[in-house]
Protein backbone atom coordinates (compact mmCIF):
# COMPACT_ATOMS: atom_id res chain seq x y z
CA UNK A 1 113.48 -99.04 68.46
CA UNK A 2 115.34 -100.68 65.31
CA UNK A 3 114.40 -102.97 62.65
CA UNK A 4 116.27 -105.63 61.57
CA UNK A 5 115.39 -105.91 57.93
CA UNK A 6 116.01 -105.95 54.36
CA UNK A 7 115.86 -102.11 54.58
CA UNK A 8 119.03 -102.19 56.99
CA UNK A 9 120.82 -104.61 54.58
CA UNK A 10 120.08 -102.05 52.04
CA UNK A 11 121.60 -99.28 54.08
CA UNK A 12 124.53 -101.67 55.17
CA UNK A 13 125.22 -102.17 51.34
CA UNK A 14 124.23 -105.65 51.67
CA UNK A 15 120.97 -105.69 49.35
CA UNK A 16 122.58 -107.66 46.60
CA UNK A 17 122.98 -110.81 48.94
CA UNK A 18 120.79 -113.51 47.99
CA UNK A 19 117.72 -114.26 50.25
CA UNK A 20 118.94 -117.22 52.28
CA UNK A 21 122.13 -115.31 52.84
CA UNK A 22 120.47 -112.02 53.75
CA UNK A 23 118.39 -114.17 56.78
CA UNK A 24 121.46 -115.48 57.51
CA UNK A 25 123.04 -111.37 58.01
CA UNK A 26 120.35 -110.46 59.63
CA UNK A 27 120.67 -113.40 62.48
CA UNK A 28 124.50 -112.64 62.91
CA UNK A 29 123.61 -109.09 63.17
CA UNK A 30 120.92 -110.07 65.78
CA UNK A 31 123.30 -112.44 67.66
CA UNK A 32 126.06 -109.72 67.80
CA UNK A 33 123.87 -107.00 68.45
CA UNK A 34 122.87 -108.91 71.60
CA UNK A 35 126.13 -109.93 72.70
CA UNK A 36 127.51 -106.93 72.60
CA UNK A 37 124.72 -105.06 74.49
CA UNK A 38 124.63 -107.87 77.42
CA UNK A 39 128.45 -107.51 77.21
CA UNK A 40 128.46 -103.67 77.99
CA UNK A 41 125.48 -103.80 80.66
CA UNK A 42 127.39 -106.61 82.52
CA UNK A 43 129.78 -104.15 83.30
CA UNK A 44 127.89 -102.12 84.63
CA UNK A 45 126.19 -104.29 86.81
CA UNK A 46 126.96 -105.34 90.25
CA UNK A 47 127.54 -108.81 91.13
CA UNK A 48 123.78 -109.29 92.27
CA UNK A 49 122.31 -107.51 89.37
CA UNK A 50 124.00 -110.09 86.95
CA UNK A 51 122.49 -112.70 88.94
CA UNK A 52 119.46 -111.40 88.60
CA UNK A 53 119.30 -110.43 85.05
CA UNK A 54 120.60 -114.00 84.25
CA UNK A 55 117.95 -115.47 85.92
CA UNK A 56 115.69 -113.93 83.55
CA UNK A 57 118.01 -115.53 80.76
CA UNK A 58 118.37 -118.53 82.14
CA UNK A 59 114.23 -118.98 82.14
CA UNK A 60 114.03 -117.64 79.01
CA UNK A 61 111.69 -115.04 80.46
CA UNK A 62 112.30 -112.23 77.83
CA UNK A 63 109.38 -109.95 78.99
CA UNK A 64 111.20 -109.83 83.03
CA UNK A 65 114.46 -109.40 81.45
CA UNK A 66 112.74 -106.64 79.16
CA UNK A 67 110.88 -105.46 82.54
CA UNK A 68 114.02 -105.78 84.44
CA UNK A 69 116.13 -103.69 82.21
CA UNK A 70 113.95 -100.83 82.15
CA UNK A 71 113.50 -100.17 85.60
CA UNK A 72 117.40 -101.22 86.75
CA UNK A 73 119.41 -99.39 83.22
CA UNK A 74 116.71 -97.16 82.04
CA UNK A 75 119.08 -96.17 79.19
CA UNK A 76 119.89 -99.69 77.90
CA UNK A 77 117.86 -98.71 74.64
CA UNK A 78 120.63 -95.94 74.25
CA UNK A 79 123.38 -98.62 74.81
CA UNK A 80 121.39 -100.78 72.01
CA UNK A 81 121.47 -97.95 69.85
CA UNK A 82 124.88 -96.51 70.48
CA UNK A 83 125.98 -100.92 69.80
CA UNK A 84 123.95 -101.06 66.30
CA UNK A 85 125.77 -97.78 65.12
CA UNK A 86 129.01 -98.95 65.99
CA UNK A 87 128.41 -102.42 64.18
CA UNK A 88 126.53 -100.94 61.08
CA UNK A 89 129.90 -98.94 60.56
CA UNK A 90 131.76 -101.99 60.89
CA UNK A 91 129.65 -103.92 58.36
CA UNK A 92 129.23 -100.70 55.91
CA UNK A 93 133.20 -101.28 55.93
CA UNK A 94 133.41 -104.67 54.84
CA UNK A 95 130.31 -105.03 52.76
CA UNK A 96 131.55 -105.22 49.33
CA UNK A 97 133.97 -107.88 50.59
CA UNK A 98 131.06 -109.72 51.98
CA UNK A 99 129.00 -109.73 49.06
CA UNK A 100 131.68 -110.73 46.93
CA UNK A 101 132.65 -113.49 49.16
CA UNK A 102 128.73 -114.50 49.42
CA UNK A 103 129.29 -114.79 45.23
CA UNK A 104 132.38 -116.57 44.96
CA UNK A 105 130.68 -119.21 47.24
CA UNK A 106 127.04 -119.49 45.46
CA UNK A 107 127.18 -121.89 42.37
CA UNK A 108 126.99 -120.15 39.04
CA UNK A 109 123.40 -119.50 37.95
CA UNK A 110 121.96 -122.20 35.27
CA UNK A 111 122.40 -120.99 31.62
CA UNK A 112 119.61 -119.56 29.98
CA UNK A 113 117.83 -122.18 27.38
CA UNK A 114 118.35 -120.81 23.74
CA UNK A 115 115.44 -119.31 22.33
CA UNK A 116 114.13 -122.43 19.63
CA UNK A 117 113.11 -121.05 16.70
CA UNK A 118 110.32 -122.54 14.37
CA UNK A 119 112.70 -124.51 11.51
CA UNK A 120 114.96 -125.93 13.88
CA UNK A 121 115.58 -128.55 16.54
CA UNK A 122 117.17 -128.01 19.48
CA UNK A 123 120.24 -130.23 19.39
CA UNK A 124 119.56 -132.51 22.13
CA UNK A 125 116.52 -133.44 20.11
CA UNK A 126 116.01 -135.97 17.36
CA UNK A 127 114.33 -135.03 14.19
CA UNK A 128 111.17 -136.63 13.76
C-alpha cells in the first residue's frame, strides 16, 4: 500500500532532518493520516456502522477493524491514498520551514578538535 519511511521523508524534502526528528515526523504523519482517513470514512458511516467500527478500535482489534473496513468500505484504500497525497502536498509546501525550524532548535555541533602537530602541545595541556 504505502510506506512511512526515510524514502518518504526524502520525497517530502525532509531528508536533512536528524534521525530523532525523522522518527517524530513519521509518527506525526501516521497519526494525522489515521485521523483524516477516520474522519473521511466516518462521514460515510451510519450510526450503527460507526458503533460497530468503534468497537474494534476500543478493543484494539486492528485485524478486525481492517476486515470490517474491507467488507463495509471496499474503497477505503483509495481514501487512504487520496488523504496521503493531500498530506504529502501540504508537507512539501512547508518542508523548508520545517527543516529550518528543527535546525534552529538543535544545539550547535561541538567544535572539532584541531589536529595536533607533534611539535606543539594543545593549549589545555601542560608542557612536560
